[in-house]
Amino acid sequence: RLSCAASGRTSSIYTMGWFRRAPGQEREFVAARRWGGTITTYADSVK
């Protein structure tokens, strides 16, 4: 389980997401969700 702790002007956040970069690869999208909602989306590789 990975954690991402946010500080500062967190009320300004609209969405939070995770990306990853494998060795020798470009950074790719993993997952995201609305900070103040329930909508989520995932890369097909991790669904």
All heavy atoms as atom14 arrays in JSON, in Angstrom:
{
  "sequence": "RLSCAASGRTSSIYTMGWFRRAPGQEREFVAARRWGGTITTYADSVK",
  "atom14_mask": [
    [1, 1, 1, 1, 1, 1, 1, 1, 1, 1, 1, 0, 0, 0],
    [1, 1, 1, 1, 1, 1, 1, 1, 0, 0, 0, 0, 0, 0],
    [1, 1, 1, 1, 1, 1, 0, 0, 0, 0, 0, 0, 0, 0],
    [1, 1, 1, 1, 1, 1, 0, 0, 0, 0, 0, 0, 0, 0],
    [1, 1, 1, 1, 1, 0, 0, 0, 0, 0, 0, 0, 0, 0],
    [1, 1, 1, 1, 1, 0, 0, 0, 0, 0, 0, 0, 0, 0],
    [1, 1, 1, 1, 1, 1, 0, 0, 0, 0, 0, 0, 0, 0],
    [1, 1, 1, 1, 0, 0, 0, 0, 0, 0, 0, 0, 0, 0],
    [1, 1, 1, 1, 1, 1, 1, 1, 1, 1, 1, 0, 0, 0],
    [1, 1, 1, 1, 1, 1, 1, 0, 0, 0, 0, 0, 0, 0],
    [1, 1, 1, 1, 1, 1, 0, 0, 0, 0, 0, 0, 0, 0],
    [1, 1, 1, 1, 1, 1, 0, 0, 0, 0, 0, 0, 0, 0],
    [1, 1, 1, 1, 1, 1, 1, 1, 0, 0, 0, 0, 0, 0],
    [1, 1, 1, 1, 1, 1, 1, 1, 1, 1, 1, 1, 0, 0],
    [1, 1, 1, 1, 1, 1, 1, 0, 0, 0, 0, 0, 0, 0],
    [1, 1, 1, 1, 1, 1, 1, 1, 0, 0, 0, 0, 0, 0],
    [1, 1, 1, 1, 0, 0, 0, 0, 0, 0, 0, 0, 0, 0],
    [1, 1, 1, 1, 1, 1, 1, 1, 1, 1, 1, 1, 1, 1],
    [1, 1, 1, 1, 1, 1, 1, 1, 1, 1, 1, 0, 0, 0],
    [1, 1, 1, 1, 1, 1, 1, 1, 1, 1, 1, 0, 0, 0],
    [1, 1, 1, 1, 1, 1, 1, 1, 1, 1, 1, 0, 0, 0],
    [1, 1, 1, 1, 1, 0, 0, 0, 0, 0, 0, 0, 0, 0],
    [1, 1, 1, 1, 1, 1, 1, 0, 0, 0, 0, 0, 0, 0],
    [1, 1, 1, 1, 0, 0, 0, 0, 0, 0, 0, 0, 0, 0],
    [1, 1, 1, 1, 1, 1, 1, 1, 1, 0, 0, 0, 0, 0],
    [1, 1, 1, 1, 1, 1, 1, 1, 1, 0, 0, 0, 0, 0],
    [1, 1, 1, 1, 1, 1, 1, 1, 1, 1, 1, 0, 0, 0],
    [1, 1, 1, 1, 1, 1, 1, 1, 1, 0, 0, 0, 0, 0],
    [1, 1, 1, 1, 1, 1, 1, 1, 1, 1, 1, 0, 0, 0],
    [1, 1, 1, 1, 1, 1, 1, 0, 0, 0, 0, 0, 0, 0],
    [1, 1, 1, 1, 1, 0, 0, 0, 0, 0, 0, 0, 0, 0],
    [1, 1, 1, 1, 1, 0, 0, 0, 0, 0, 0, 0, 0, 0],
    [1, 1, 1, 1, 1, 1, 1, 1, 1, 1, 1, 0, 0, 0],
    [1, 1, 1, 1, 1, 1, 1, 1, 1, 1, 1, 0, 0, 0],
    [1, 1, 1, 1, 1, 1, 1, 1, 1, 1, 1, 1, 1, 1],
    [1, 1, 1, 1, 0, 0, 0, 0, 0, 0, 0, 0, 0, 0],
    [1, 1, 1, 1, 0, 0, 0, 0, 0, 0, 0, 0, 0, 0],
    [1, 1, 1, 1, 1, 1, 1, 0, 0, 0, 0, 0, 0, 0],
    [1, 1, 1, 1, 1, 1, 1, 1, 0, 0, 0, 0, 0, 0],
    [1, 1, 1, 1, 1, 1, 1, 0, 0, 0, 0, 0, 0, 0],
    [1, 1, 1, 1, 1, 1, 1, 0, 0, 0, 0, 0, 0, 0],
    [1, 1, 1, 1, 1, 1, 1, 1, 1, 1, 1, 1, 0, 0],
    [1, 1, 1, 1, 1, 0, 0, 0, 0, 0, 0, 0, 0, 0],
    [1, 1, 1, 1, 1, 1, 1, 1, 0, 0, 0, 0, 0, 0],
    [1, 1, 1, 1, 1, 1, 0, 0, 0, 0, 0, 0, 0, 0],
    [1, 1, 1, 1, 1, 1, 1, 0, 0, 0, 0, 0, 0, 0],
    [1, 1, 1, 1, 1, 1, 1, 1, 1, 0, 0, 0, 0, 0]
  ],
  "atom14_positions": [
    [[0.84, -1.18, 0.0], [0.0, 0.0, 0.0], [0.87, 1.23, 0.0], [1.65, 1.46, 0.94], [-0.94, 0.04, 1.21], [-1.97, 1.17, 1.1], [-2.91, 1.23, 2.29], [-2.25, 1.73, 3.49], [-2.91, 2.16, 4.56], [-4.24, 2.14, 4.58], [-2.23, 2.59, 5.61], [0.0, 0.0, 0.0], [0.0, 0.0, 0.0], [0.0, 0.0, 0.0]],
    [[0.75, 2.03, -1.04], [1.47, 3.28, -1.14], [0.64, 4.42, -0.56], [-0.58, 4.42, -0.67], [1.81, 3.61, -2.6], [2.55, 2.53, -3.39], [2.87, 3.05, -4.79], [3.81, 2.09, -2.67], [0.0, 0.0, 0.0], [0.0, 0.0, 0.0], [0.0, 0.0, 0.0], [0.0, 0.0, 0.0], [0.0, 0.0, 0.0], [0.0, 0.0, 0.0]],
    [[1.32, 5.38, 0.05], [0.67, 6.55, 0.61], [1.23, 7.81, -0.02], [2.41, 7.88, -0.33], [0.87, 6.61, 2.12], [0.31, 5.49, 2.77], [0.0, 0.0, 0.0], [0.0, 0.0, 0.0], [0.0, 0.0, 0.0], [0.0, 0.0, 0.0], [0.0, 0.0, 0.0], [0.0, 0.0, 0.0], [0.0, 0.0, 0.0], [0.0, 0.0, 0.0]],
    [[0.37, 8.8, -0.19], [0.78, 10.11, -0.66], [0.15, 11.15, 0.25], [-1.06, 11.37, 0.2], [0.36, 10.33, -2.1], [0.73, 11.98, -2.75], [0.0, 0.0, 0.0], [0.0, 0.0, 0.0], [0.0, 0.0, 0.0], [0.0, 0.0, 0.0], [0.0, 0.0, 0.0], [0.0, 0.0, 0.0], [0.0, 0.0, 0.0], [0.0, 0.0, 0.0]],
    [[0.97, 11.76, 1.09], [0.49, 12.77, 2.03], [0.61, 14.15, 1.4], [1.69, 14.55, 0.96], [1.29, 12.7, 3.32], [0.0, 0.0, 0.0], [0.0, 0.0, 0.0], [0.0, 0.0, 0.0], [0.0, 0.0, 0.0], [0.0, 0.0, 0.0], [0.0, 0.0, 0.0], [0.0, 0.0, 0.0], [0.0, 0.0, 0.0], [0.0, 0.0, 0.0]],
    [[-0.5, 14.87, 1.36], [-0.54, 16.2, 0.78], [-0.56, 17.27, 1.87], [-1.21, 17.1, 2.91], [-1.77, 16.36, -0.11], [0.0, 0.0, 0.0], [0.0, 0.0, 0.0], [0.0, 0.0, 0.0], [0.0, 0.0, 0.0], [0.0, 0.0, 0.0], [0.0, 0.0, 0.0], [0.0, 0.0, 0.0], [0.0, 0.0, 0.0], [0.0, 0.0, 0.0]],
    [[0.14, 18.35, 1.63], [0.13, 19.48, 2.55], [0.14, 20.77, 1.75], [0.3, 20.77, 0.54], [1.34, 19.43, 3.5], [2.55, 19.46, 2.78], [0.0, 0.0, 0.0], [0.0, 0.0, 0.0], [0.0, 0.0, 0.0], [0.0, 0.0, 0.0], [0.0, 0.0, 0.0], [0.0, 0.0, 0.0], [0.0, 0.0, 0.0], [0.0, 0.0, 0.0]],
    [[-0.04, 21.88, 2.44], [-0.15, 23.16, 1.76], [-1.6, 23.47, 1.44], [-2.49, 23.22, 2.25], [0.0, 0.0, 0.0], [0.0, 0.0, 0.0], [0.0, 0.0, 0.0], [0.0, 0.0, 0.0], [0.0, 0.0, 0.0], [0.0, 0.0, 0.0], [0.0, 0.0, 0.0], [0.0, 0.0, 0.0], [0.0, 0.0, 0.0], [0.0, 0.0, 0.0]],
    [[-1.84, 23.99, 0.25], [-3.19, 24.39, -0.15], [-3.96, 23.2, -0.7], [-4.32, 23.15, -1.88], [-3.12, 25.52, -1.17], [-2.42, 26.78, -0.65], [-2.44, 27.89, -1.67], [-3.8, 28.34, -1.95], [-4.11, 29.28, -2.84], [-3.14, 29.87, -3.54], [-5.37, 29.61, -3.04], [0.0, 0.0, 0.0], [0.0, 0.0, 0.0], [0.0, 0.0, 0.0]],
    [[-4.24, 22.24, 0.16], [-4.91, 21.02, -0.27], [-6.35, 21.26, -0.71], [-6.89, 20.45, -1.47], [-4.89, 19.97, 0.84], [-5.51, 20.5, 2.02], [-3.46, 19.56, 1.16], [0.0, 0.0, 0.0], [0.0, 0.0, 0.0], [0.0, 0.0, 0.0], [0.0, 0.0, 0.0], [0.0, 0.0, 0.0], [0.0, 0.0, 0.0], [0.0, 0.0, 0.0]],
    [[-6.97, 22.34, -0.27], [-8.33, 22.65, -0.69], [-8.4, 22.98, -2.18], [-9.49, 22.98, -2.76], [-8.9, 23.8, 0.13], [-8.17, 24.99, -0.05], [0.0, 0.0, 0.0], [0.0, 0.0, 0.0], [0.0, 0.0, 0.0], [0.0, 0.0, 0.0], [0.0, 0.0, 0.0], [0.0, 0.0, 0.0], [0.0, 0.0, 0.0], [0.0, 0.0, 0.0]],
    [[-7.27, 23.27, -2.79], [-7.23, 23.61, -4.21], [-7.14, 22.38, -5.1], [-7.22, 22.5, -6.32], [-6.03, 24.51, -4.5], [-6.16, 25.76, -3.81], [0.0, 0.0, 0.0], [0.0, 0.0, 0.0], [0.0, 0.0, 0.0], [0.0, 0.0, 0.0], [0.0, 0.0, 0.0], [0.0, 0.0, 0.0], [0.0, 0.0, 0.0], [0.0, 0.0, 0.0]],
    [[-6.95, 21.2, -4.52], [-6.77, 19.98, -5.29], [-8.09, 19.54, -5.91], [-9.11, 19.49, -5.25], [-6.18, 18.86, -4.42], [-4.8, 19.25, -3.91], [-6.12, 17.55, -5.2], [-4.22, 18.26, -2.91], [0.0, 0.0, 0.0], [0.0, 0.0, 0.0], [0.0, 0.0, 0.0], [0.0, 0.0, 0.0], [0.0, 0.0, 0.0], [0.0, 0.0, 0.0]],
    [[-8.03, 19.19, -7.19], [-9.19, 18.7, -7.91], [-9.15, 17.17, -8.07], [-10.12, 16.49, -7.78], [-9.28, 19.36, -9.28], [-10.45, 18.91, -10.13], [-11.74, 18.91, -9.62], [-10.26, 18.5, -11.45], [-12.81, 18.52, -10.39], [-11.33, 18.11, -12.23], [-12.6, 18.12, -11.7], [-13.67, 17.72, -12.48], [0.0, 0.0, 0.0], [0.0, 0.0, 0.0]],
    [[-8.02, 16.67, -8.53], [-7.84, 15.23, -8.64], [-6.47, 14.83, -8.07], [-5.54, 15.63, -8.04], [-7.92, 14.72, -10.09], [-6.89, 15.35, -10.87], [-9.27, 15.05, -10.69], [0.0, 0.0, 0.0], [0.0, 0.0, 0.0], [0.0, 0.0, 0.0], [0.0, 0.0, 0.0], [0.0, 0.0, 0.0], [0.0, 0.0, 0.0], [0.0, 0.0, 0.0]],
    [[-6.39, 13.58, -7.64], [-5.14, 12.99, -7.21], [-4.93, 11.72, -8.02], [-5.87, 10.98, -8.29], [-5.17, 12.64, -5.73], [-5.26, 13.85, -4.81], [-3.67, 14.72, -4.67], [-2.77, 13.57, -3.63], [0.0, 0.0, 0.0], [0.0, 0.0, 0.0], [0.0, 0.0, 0.0], [0.0, 0.0, 0.0], [0.0, 0.0, 0.0], [0.0, 0.0, 0.0]],
    [[-3.69, 11.48, -8.42], [-3.42, 10.31, -9.23], [-2.07, 9.7, -8.95], [-1.22, 10.29, -8.28], [0.0, 0.0, 0.0], [0.0, 0.0, 0.0], [0.0, 0.0, 0.0], [0.0, 0.0, 0.0], [0.0, 0.0, 0.0], [0.0, 0.0, 0.0], [0.0, 0.0, 0.0], [0.0, 0.0, 0.0], [0.0, 0.0, 0.0], [0.0, 0.0, 0.0]],
    [[-1.9, 8.51, -9.49], [-0.64, 7.78, -9.41], [-0.13, 7.47, -10.8], [-0.9, 7.05, -11.68], [-0.81, 6.47, -8.63], [-1.02, 6.65, -7.16], [-2.21, 6.73, -6.51], [0.0, 6.76, -6.17], [-2.0, 6.89, -5.16], [-0.65, 6.91, -4.92], [1.39, 6.76, -6.2], [0.04, 7.05, -3.72], [2.08, 6.9, -5.02], [1.41, 7.04, -3.79]],
    [[1.15, 7.68, -11.0], [1.85, 7.32, -12.22], [3.05, 6.47, -11.85], [3.45, 6.43, -10.68], [2.32, 8.58, -12.97], [1.2, 9.38, -13.58], [0.34, 10.13, -12.78], [1.0, 9.4, -14.95], [-0.69, 10.87, -13.33], [-0.02, 10.15, -15.52], [-0.87, 10.88, -14.71], [0.0, 0.0, 0.0], [0.0, 0.0, 0.0], [0.0, 0.0, 0.0]],
    [[3.62, 5.81, -12.83], [4.81, 5.02, -12.56], [5.75, 5.06, -13.76], [5.34, 5.26, -14.89], [4.46, 3.57, -12.22], [3.85, 2.77, -13.37], [3.38, 1.41, -12.87], [2.82, 0.6, -13.95], [2.23, -0.57, -13.77], [2.12, -1.08, -12.54], [1.75, -1.24, -14.81], [0.0, 0.0, 0.0], [0.0, 0.0, 0.0], [0.0, 0.0, 0.0]],
    [[7.04, 4.86, -13.47], [8.06, 4.8, -14.51], [8.9, 3.55, -14.29], [9.63, 3.46, -13.3], [8.94, 6.04, -14.5], [9.94, 6.08, -15.66], [10.91, 7.24, -15.53], [10.27, 8.53, -15.59], [9.98, 9.17, -16.72], [10.27, 8.63, -17.89], [9.41, 10.36, -16.67], [0.0, 0.0, 0.0], [0.0, 0.0, 0.0], [0.0, 0.0, 0.0]],
    [[8.78, 2.61, -15.21], [9.58, 1.4, -15.18], [10.94, 1.68, -15.8], [11.1, 2.62, -16.58], [8.87, 0.27, -15.92], [0.0, 0.0, 0.0], [0.0, 0.0, 0.0], [0.0, 0.0, 0.0], [0.0, 0.0, 0.0], [0.0, 0.0, 0.0], [0.0, 0.0, 0.0], [0.0, 0.0, 0.0], [0.0, 0.0, 0.0], [0.0, 0.0, 0.0]],
    [[11.95, 0.86, -15.48], [13.28, 1.07, -16.06], [13.24, 1.1, -17.59], [12.68, 0.2, -18.22], [14.07, -0.13, -15.55], [13.4, -0.51, -14.28], [11.94, -0.26, -14.53], [0.0, 0.0, 0.0], [0.0, 0.0, 0.0], [0.0, 0.0, 0.0], [0.0, 0.0, 0.0], [0.0, 0.0, 0.0], [0.0, 0.0, 0.0], [0.0, 0.0, 0.0]],
    [[13.81, 2.15, -18.16], [13.87, 2.28, -19.6], [12.56, 2.65, -20.27], [12.5, 2.64, -21.51], [0.0, 0.0, 0.0], [0.0, 0.0, 0.0], [0.0, 0.0, 0.0], [0.0, 0.0, 0.0], [0.0, 0.0, 0.0], [0.0, 0.0, 0.0], [0.0, 0.0, 0.0], [0.0, 0.0, 0.0], [0.0, 0.0, 0.0], [0.0, 0.0, 0.0]],
    [[11.54, 2.98, -19.51], [10.22, 3.28, -20.05], [9.79, 4.71, -19.72], [10.34, 5.34, -18.82], [9.17, 2.31, -19.51], [9.47, 0.85, -19.77], [9.44, 0.51, -21.25], [8.58, 1.0, -21.99], [10.37, -0.32, -21.69], [0.0, 0.0, 0.0], [0.0, 0.0, 0.0], [0.0, 0.0, 0.0], [0.0, 0.0, 0.0], [0.0, 0.0, 0.0]],
    [[8.82, 5.19, -20.48], [8.22, 6.48, -20.18], [7.27, 6.34, -18.99], [6.76, 5.26, -18.7], [7.46, 7.01, -21.39], [8.33, 7.33, -22.59], [9.24, 8.5, -22.33], [8.81, 9.45, -21.64], [10.38, 8.48, -22.82], [0.0, 0.0, 0.0], [0.0, 0.0, 0.0], [0.0, 0.0, 0.0], [0.0, 0.0, 0.0], [0.0, 0.0, 0.0]],
    [[7.04, 7.44, -18.31], [6.1, 7.45, -17.21], [4.7, 7.17, -17.74], [4.28, 7.72, -18.76], [6.15, 8.8, -16.49], [5.27, 8.88, -15.27], [5.69, 10.04, -14.38], [5.72, 11.29, -15.09], [6.27, 12.4, -14.61], [6.83, 12.4, -13.41], [6.26, 13.51, -15.33], [0.0, 0.0, 0.0], [0.0, 0.0, 0.0], [0.0, 0.0, 0.0]],
    [[3.95, 6.32, -17.05], [2.61, 5.95, -17.48], [1.59, 6.14, -16.37], [1.91, 6.05, -15.18], [2.58, 4.49, -17.97], [2.85, 3.46, -16.89], [2.7, 2.04, -17.38], [2.15, 1.83, -18.49], [3.13, 1.12, -16.66], [0.0, 0.0, 0.0], [0.0, 0.0, 0.0], [0.0, 0.0, 0.0], [0.0, 0.0, 0.0], [0.0, 0.0, 0.0]],
    [[0.37, 6.36, -16.77], [-0.73, 6.54, -15.84], [-1.09, 5.22, -15.18], [-1.1, 4.17, -15.82], [-1.95, 7.1, -16.58], [-3.22, 7.09, -15.78], [-3.45, 8.05, -14.81], [-4.18, 6.12, -15.99], [-4.62, 8.05, -14.07], [-5.34, 6.1, -15.26], [-5.55, 7.07, -14.29], [0.0, 0.0, 0.0], [0.0, 0.0, 0.0], [0.0, 0.0, 0.0]],
    [[-1.43, 5.27, -13.88], [-1.84, 4.09, -13.14], [-3.28, 4.22, -12.66], [-4.13, 3.37, -12.94], [-0.92, 3.82, -11.94], [-1.43, 2.64, -11.12], [0.51, 3.57, -12.41], [0.0, 0.0, 0.0], [0.0, 0.0, 0.0], [0.0, 0.0, 0.0], [0.0, 0.0, 0.0], [0.0, 0.0, 0.0], [0.0, 0.0, 0.0], [0.0, 0.0, 0.0]],
    [[-3.58, 5.27, -11.89], [-4.91, 5.44, -11.31], [-5.11, 6.88, -10.9], [-4.14, 7.6, -10.64], [-5.1, 4.51, -10.11], [0.0, 0.0, 0.0], [0.0, 0.0, 0.0], [0.0, 0.0, 0.0], [0.0, 0.0, 0.0], [0.0, 0.0, 0.0], [0.0, 0.0, 0.0], [0.0, 0.0, 0.0], [0.0, 0.0, 0.0], [0.0, 0.0, 0.0]],
    [[-6.37, 7.31, -10.8], [-6.69, 8.66, -10.34], [-8.09, 8.69, -9.77], [-8.92, 7.83, -10.08], [-6.57, 9.67, -11.49], [0.0, 0.0, 0.0], [0.0, 0.0, 0.0], [0.0, 0.0, 0.0], [0.0, 0.0, 0.0], [0.0, 0.0, 0.0], [0.0, 0.0, 0.0], [0.0, 0.0, 0.0], [0.0, 0.0, 0.0], [0.0, 0.0, 0.0]],
    [[-8.35, 9.7, -8.94], [-9.68, 9.9, -8.4], [-9.9, 11.37, -8.09], [-8.93, 12.14, -7.91], [-9.92, 9.06, -7.15], [-9.12, 9.49, -5.93], [-9.7, 8.86, -4.66], [-11.02, 9.39, -4.34], [-11.97, 8.71, -3.69], [-11.76, 7.47, -3.31], [-13.14, 9.29, -3.43], [0.0, 0.0, 0.0], [0.0, 0.0, 0.0], [0.0, 0.0, 0.0]],
    [[-11.17, 11.77, -8.0], [-11.49, 13.11, -7.56], [-11.15, 13.25, -6.09], [-11.44, 12.37, -5.28], [-12.99, 13.39, -7.77], [-13.43, 13.42, -9.23], [-13.04, 14.73, -9.88], [-13.68, 14.86, -11.18], [-13.17, 14.46, -12.32], [-11.97, 13.89, -12.34], [-13.83, 14.63, -13.45], [0.0, 0.0, 0.0], [0.0, 0.0, 0.0], [0.0, 0.0, 0.0]],
    [[-10.54, 14.39, -5.74], [-10.2, 14.64, -4.35], [-11.45, 14.79, -3.49], [-11.5, 14.3, -2.37], [-9.34, 15.9, -4.25], [-8.87, 16.24, -2.88], [-9.22, 17.32, -2.14], [-7.91, 15.52, -2.1], [-8.57, 17.32, -0.94], [-7.74, 16.23, -0.88], [-7.18, 14.35, -2.31], [-6.89, 15.8, 0.12], [-6.33, 13.92, -1.3], [-6.19, 14.64, -0.12]],
    [[-12.47, 15.46, -4.04], [-13.7, 15.7, -3.32], [-14.88, 14.88, -3.8], [-16.02, 15.21, -3.48], [0.0, 0.0, 0.0], [0.0, 0.0, 0.0], [0.0, 0.0, 0.0], [0.0, 0.0, 0.0], [0.0, 0.0, 0.0], [0.0, 0.0, 0.0], [0.0, 0.0, 0.0], [0.0, 0.0, 0.0], [0.0, 0.0, 0.0], [0.0, 0.0, 0.0]],
    [[-14.63, 13.84, -4.57], [-15.69, 13.01, -5.1], [-15.34, 11.54, -5.03], [-14.45, 11.13, -4.28], [0.0, 0.0, 0.0], [0.0, 0.0, 0.0], [0.0, 0.0, 0.0], [0.0, 0.0, 0.0], [0.0, 0.0, 0.0], [0.0, 0.0, 0.0], [0.0, 0.0, 0.0], [0.0, 0.0, 0.0], [0.0, 0.0, 0.0], [0.0, 0.0, 0.0]],
    [[-16.04, 10.75, -5.84], [-15.86, 9.31, -5.82], [-15.46, 8.73, -7.16], [-15.24, 7.52, -7.26], [-17.15, 8.61, -5.35], [-18.23, 8.95, -6.23], [-17.5, 9.04, -3.94], [0.0, 0.0, 0.0], [0.0, 0.0, 0.0], [0.0, 0.0, 0.0], [0.0, 0.0, 0.0], [0.0, 0.0, 0.0], [0.0, 0.0, 0.0], [0.0, 0.0, 0.0]],
    [[-15.37, 9.55, -8.2], [-15.03, 9.06, -9.52], [-13.58, 8.59, -9.54], [-12.68, 9.3, -9.1], [-15.25, 10.14, -10.59], [-16.72, 10.55, -10.63], [-14.79, 9.65, -11.96], [-17.01, 11.71, -11.56], [0.0, 0.0, 0.0], [0.0, 0.0, 0.0], [0.0, 0.0, 0.0], [0.0, 0.0, 0.0], [0.0, 0.0, 0.0], [0.0, 0.0, 0.0]],
    [[-13.37, 7.39, -10.04], [-12.03, 6.83, -10.15], [-11.81, 6.29, -11.55], [-12.75, 5.97, -12.27], [-11.8, 5.69, -9.14], [-12.73, 4.62, -9.4], [-11.98, 6.18, -7.72], [0.0, 0.0, 0.0], [0.0, 0.0, 0.0], [0.0, 0.0, 0.0], [0.0, 0.0, 0.0], [0.0, 0.0, 0.0], [0.0, 0.0, 0.0], [0.0, 0.0, 0.0]],
    [[-10.55, 6.19, -11.94], [-10.2, 5.6, -13.21], [-8.88, 4.87, -13.06], [-8.03, 5.26, -12.25], [-10.12, 6.66, -14.32], [-9.88, 6.03, -15.58], [-9.01, 7.67, -14.04], [0.0, 0.0, 0.0], [0.0, 0.0, 0.0], [0.0, 0.0, 0.0], [0.0, 0.0, 0.0], [0.0, 0.0, 0.0], [0.0, 0.0, 0.0], [0.0, 0.0, 0.0]],
    [[-8.71, 3.79, -13.82], [-7.54, 2.94, -13.72], [-7.01, 2.58, -15.1], [-7.78, 2.46, -16.06], [-7.86, 1.64, -12.98], [-8.31, 1.82, -11.56], [-9.66, 1.99, -11.25], [-7.39, 1.82, -10.52], [-10.07, 2.16, -9.94], [-7.8, 1.99, -9.21], [-9.14, 2.15, -8.92], [-9.54, 2.32, -7.62], [0.0, 0.0, 0.0], [0.0, 0.0, 0.0]],
    [[-5.71, 2.38, -15.17], [-5.13, 1.81, -16.36], [-5.59, 0.37, -16.51], [-5.8, -0.34, -15.51], [-3.61, 1.87, -16.3], [0.0, 0.0, 0.0], [0.0, 0.0, 0.0], [0.0, 0.0, 0.0], [0.0, 0.0, 0.0], [0.0, 0.0, 0.0], [0.0, 0.0, 0.0], [0.0, 0.0, 0.0], [0.0, 0.0, 0.0], [0.0, 0.0, 0.0]],
    [[-5.75, -0.09, -17.75], [-6.21, -1.45, -17.98], [-5.29, -2.49, -17.33], [-5.76, -3.54, -16.88], [-6.3, -1.73, -19.48], [-7.45, -1.01, -20.15], [-8.38, -0.58, -19.44], [-7.42, -0.88, -21.38], [0.0, 0.0, 0.0], [0.0, 0.0, 0.0], [0.0, 0.0, 0.0], [0.0, 0.0, 0.0], [0.0, 0.0, 0.0], [0.0, 0.0, 0.0]],
    [[-4.02, -2.19, -17.25], [-3.05, -3.14, -16.73], [-3.2, -3.4, -15.23], [-2.68, -4.4, -14.73], [-1.63, -2.67, -17.02], [-1.38, -1.41, -16.43], [0.0, 0.0, 0.0], [0.0, 0.0, 0.0], [0.0, 0.0, 0.0], [0.0, 0.0, 0.0], [0.0, 0.0, 0.0], [0.0, 0.0, 0.0], [0.0, 0.0, 0.0], [0.0, 0.0, 0.0]],
    [[-3.9, -2.51, -14.51], [-4.02, -2.67, -13.07], [-5.45, -2.83, -12.6], [-5.68, -3.04, -11.4], [-3.37, -1.48, -12.32], [-1.93, -1.3, -12.76], [-4.17, -0.2, -12.52], [0.0, 0.0, 0.0], [0.0, 0.0, 0.0], [0.0, 0.0, 0.0], [0.0, 0.0, 0.0], [0.0, 0.0, 0.0], [0.0, 0.0, 0.0], [0.0, 0.0, 0.0]],
    [[-6.42, -2.78, -13.49], [-7.82, -2.93, -13.11], [-8.06, -4.28, -12.43], [-7.58, -5.31, -12.89], [-8.73, -2.81, -14.33], [-8.9, -1.4, -14.85], [-9.86, -1.36, -16.03], [-10.06, 0.06, -16.53], [-10.94, 0.11, -17.72], [0.0, 0.0, 0.0], [0.0, 0.0, 0.0], [0.0, 0.0, 0.0], [0.0, 0.0, 0.0], [0.0, 0.0, 0.0]]
  ]
}
